[in-house]
Amino acid sequence: MNAARGSEVIKIWPEESQEAAKLVIDTYGEPHEATESMLVWHGVGPWKRIEASRAFARHSFPAPHIDSVTSVIDHRVPPEKVTELTQFDGSVVVARTAGEVAARCHDEQANLLALNLMNDIVNGDRTVDDARDYYAEEFLAVRRGDSAPYMEGLRFAPTGAGAGDPDARALSDDQLERASAQGGNG
């Protein structure tokens, strides 16, 4: 589908996801890719990619809202930190093999907040509880019209390309060859 049609595509989306997608279009222009269910921008702002989707999830932290905009960066997260990140915010997703971390919320600013706090947790600068408390404080600051520094941009440099973790091999070529040979005897 032609990228210039992103603004047209979202006209049939639910109001919640339509509003969130329009915020991204207003910031970055028409998407690089558009389908009936998703708009995608590559390499805009600080993002590897940003996606706006027709589908949305209801999310109650720190207050009820919808999640339909995903912001993705290349960043290595040690496997032992992933559980803490899911405890912090279920909308922060680590794709270890690809070396990506994403935040999914209503808008780019909330994703910046979540990813900045993700980095604080990974670096040991904040506990899960401290990060959740700080998230709520910044959320309220924006509502009051106050400064919210963690929502203004990434406060760290993403690891970048090569952040992927291919994991450790568990099977040797010899084991695979023997298994294939045995499978052919049945």
Protein backbone atom coordinates (compact mmCIF):
# COMPACT_ATOMS: atom_id res chain seq x y z
CA MET A 1 0.00 0.00 0.00
CA ASN A 2 1.22 3.51 -0.77
CA ALA A 3 2.74 5.21 2.30
CA ALA A 4 0.96 8.46 1.45
CA ARG A 5 -2.31 6.73 2.29
CA GLY A 6 -1.62 6.34 6.03
CA SER A 7 -3.88 9.27 6.90
CA GLU A 8 -6.63 7.70 4.83
CA VAL A 9 -6.17 4.20 6.28
CA ILE A 10 -6.67 5.33 9.89
CA LYS A 11 -10.06 6.88 9.12
CA ILE A 12 -11.66 3.44 9.58
CA TRP A 13 -9.72 2.63 12.77
CA PRO A 14 -11.29 2.80 16.25
CA GLU A 15 -11.20 6.34 17.63
CA GLU A 16 -8.64 5.42 20.31
CA SER A 17 -6.01 4.06 17.93
CA GLN A 18 -6.86 6.64 15.26
CA GLU A 19 -6.05 9.47 17.68
CA ALA A 20 -2.72 7.89 18.67
CA ALA A 21 -1.72 7.27 15.03
CA LYS A 22 -2.54 10.87 14.13
CA LEU A 23 -0.07 12.07 16.78
CA VAL A 24 2.69 10.11 15.05
CA ILE A 25 1.65 11.33 11.59
CA ASP A 26 1.64 14.91 12.88
CA THR A 27 5.19 14.44 14.18
CA TYR A 28 6.83 12.40 11.38
CA GLY A 29 4.57 12.78 8.36
CA GLU A 30 3.09 9.93 6.37
CA PRO A 31 4.44 6.47 7.24
CA HIS A 32 6.97 4.52 5.21
CA GLU A 33 4.61 1.53 5.26
CA ALA A 34 0.85 1.36 5.64
CA THR A 35 -1.57 -1.55 5.78
CA GLU A 36 -5.17 -1.74 6.96
CA SER A 37 -3.94 -2.56 10.46
CA MET A 38 -0.55 -0.87 10.89
CA LEU A 39 1.53 2.18 10.00
CA VAL A 40 5.33 1.99 10.22
CA TRP A 41 8.04 4.66 10.16
CA HIS A 42 11.73 3.67 9.93
CA GLY A 43 14.63 5.67 11.34
CA VAL A 44 12.65 8.70 12.52
CA GLY A 45 13.48 10.64 15.67
CA PRO A 46 15.48 8.46 18.05
CA TRP A 47 13.69 5.31 16.85
CA LYS A 48 14.79 2.32 14.86
CA ARG A 49 11.11 2.22 13.97
CA ILE A 50 7.82 3.45 15.32
CA GLU A 51 4.55 1.64 14.68
CA ALA A 52 0.96 2.74 15.11
CA SER A 53 -1.57 -0.08 15.08
CA ARG A 54 -5.29 -0.36 14.66
CA ALA A 55 -5.37 -2.87 17.51
CA PHE A 56 -4.94 -1.45 20.97
CA ALA A 57 -4.69 -2.80 24.49
CA ARG A 58 -6.20 -1.26 27.58
CA HIS A 59 -3.51 -0.47 30.14
CA SER A 60 -4.08 0.72 33.72
CA PHE A 61 -0.55 1.80 34.72
CA PRO A 62 -0.15 4.53 35.88
CA ALA A 63 -3.75 5.47 34.97
CA PRO A 64 -6.20 3.94 32.47
CA HIS A 65 -5.25 4.55 28.84
CA ILE A 66 -4.74 2.60 25.62
CA ASP A 67 -1.52 1.24 24.11
CA SER A 68 -1.31 1.36 20.32
CA VAL A 69 1.97 3.14 19.44
CA THR A 70 5.19 1.11 19.67
CA SER A 71 8.61 2.77 19.71
CA VAL A 72 11.59 0.47 19.06
CA ILE A 73 15.31 0.92 19.68
CA ASP A 74 18.34 -1.35 19.28
CA HIS A 75 19.50 -2.01 22.83
CA ARG A 76 21.06 -4.93 24.65
CA VAL A 77 19.33 -6.01 27.85
CA PRO A 78 21.00 -8.67 30.01
CA PRO A 79 18.65 -11.67 30.33
CA GLU A 80 18.69 -11.41 34.13
CA LYS A 81 17.10 -7.93 33.88
CA VAL A 82 14.10 -8.93 31.74
CA THR A 83 11.95 -10.05 34.69
CA GLU A 84 12.48 -6.69 36.40
CA LEU A 85 11.41 -4.90 33.23
CA THR A 86 8.18 -6.88 32.97
CA GLN A 87 7.49 -6.11 36.63
CA PHE A 88 8.08 -2.43 35.92
CA ASP A 89 5.77 -2.12 32.90
CA GLY A 90 4.15 -4.88 30.87
CA SER A 91 4.28 -2.64 27.81
CA VAL A 92 8.09 -2.70 27.74
CA VAL A 93 9.11 -5.64 25.56
CA VAL A 94 12.59 -7.09 25.11
CA ALA A 95 13.38 -9.02 21.92
CA ARG A 96 16.72 -10.43 23.08
CA THR A 97 17.71 -12.26 19.90
CA ALA A 98 16.99 -9.22 17.72
CA GLY A 99 18.59 -6.87 20.25
CA GLU A 100 15.52 -4.68 20.40
CA VAL A 101 13.60 -3.06 23.21
CA ALA A 102 10.19 -1.54 22.60
CA ALA A 103 7.68 0.42 24.59
CA ARG A 104 4.01 0.45 23.63
CA CYS A 105 1.75 3.20 24.90
CA HIS A 106 -0.60 5.92 23.66
CA ASP A 107 2.13 8.26 22.45
CA GLU A 108 5.82 8.75 21.81
CA GLN A 109 6.40 10.75 25.01
CA ALA A 110 5.10 7.96 27.23
CA ASN A 111 7.33 5.53 25.33
CA LEU A 112 10.32 7.80 25.97
CA LEU A 113 9.48 7.76 29.67
CA ALA A 114 9.18 3.97 29.76
CA LEU A 115 12.42 3.39 27.85
CA ASN A 116 14.39 5.90 29.93
CA LEU A 117 13.23 4.11 33.07
CA MET A 118 13.98 0.74 31.44
CA ASN A 119 17.56 1.90 31.01
CA ASP A 120 17.73 3.07 34.63
CA ILE A 121 16.58 -0.37 35.79
CA VAL A 122 19.03 -2.19 33.49
CA ASN A 123 21.91 -0.03 34.77
CA GLY A 124 20.89 -0.54 38.41
CA ASP A 125 20.12 3.16 38.91
CA ARG A 126 16.50 2.48 39.94
CA THR A 127 14.57 -0.38 41.45
CA VAL A 128 11.29 -1.51 39.88
CA ASP A 129 9.29 0.25 42.60
CA ASP A 130 11.31 3.46 42.25
CA ALA A 131 10.84 3.41 38.47
CA ARG A 132 7.07 2.90 38.82
CA ASP A 133 6.86 5.75 41.32
CA TYR A 134 8.89 8.04 39.05
CA TYR A 135 6.74 7.12 36.05
CA ALA A 136 3.62 8.17 37.98
CA GLU A 137 5.30 11.43 39.07
CA GLU A 138 6.19 12.38 35.47
CA PHE A 139 2.72 11.42 34.27
CA LEU A 140 1.20 13.80 36.83
CA ALA A 141 3.76 16.51 36.01
CA VAL A 142 2.60 16.53 32.39
CA ARG A 143 -1.03 16.76 33.49
CA ARG A 144 -0.12 19.80 35.64
CA GLY A 145 1.81 21.38 32.76
CA ASP A 146 5.14 20.94 34.55
CA SER A 147 8.44 19.76 33.09
CA ALA A 148 8.84 16.02 32.58
CA PRO A 149 12.49 15.48 31.57
CA TYR A 150 12.19 11.73 30.99
CA MET A 151 9.49 12.42 28.36
CA GLU A 152 11.55 14.94 26.38
CA GLY A 153 13.99 12.52 24.72
CA LEU A 154 16.12 9.47 25.30
CA ARG A 155 18.54 10.13 28.16
CA PHE A 156 20.93 7.42 26.98
CA ALA A 157 22.43 6.22 23.71
CA PRO A 158 20.83 3.00 22.49
CA THR A 159 23.33 0.18 22.08
CA GLY A 160 22.72 0.34 18.33
CA ALA A 161 23.00 -2.24 15.58
CA GLY A 162 24.68 -5.40 16.78
CA ALA A 163 22.78 -5.41 20.07
CA GLY A 164 21.33 -8.82 19.26
CA ASP A 165 22.13 -11.87 21.35
CA PRO A 166 22.11 -15.04 19.24
CA ASP A 167 22.29 -17.13 22.45
CA ALA A 168 24.46 -20.21 22.98
CA ARG A 169 24.37 -23.20 20.73
CA ALA A 170 22.97 -26.34 22.40
CA LEU A 171 23.32 -28.90 19.59
CA SER A 172 26.46 -29.79 17.65
CA ASP A 173 26.55 -30.45 13.91
CA ASP A 174 27.30 -34.09 14.74
CA GLN A 175 24.15 -34.39 16.89
CA LEU A 176 22.04 -32.81 14.14
CA GLU A 177 23.49 -35.15 11.49
CA ARG A 178 22.85 -38.23 13.65
CA ALA A 179 19.26 -37.11 14.32
CA SER A 180 18.67 -36.55 10.60
CA ALA A 181 20.10 -39.96 9.78
CA GLN A 182 17.90 -41.66 12.39
CA GLY A 183 14.84 -39.83 11.11
CA GLY A 184 15.45 -41.25 7.65
CA ASN A 185 15.42 -44.85 8.96
CA GLY A 186 11.80 -44.80 10.15
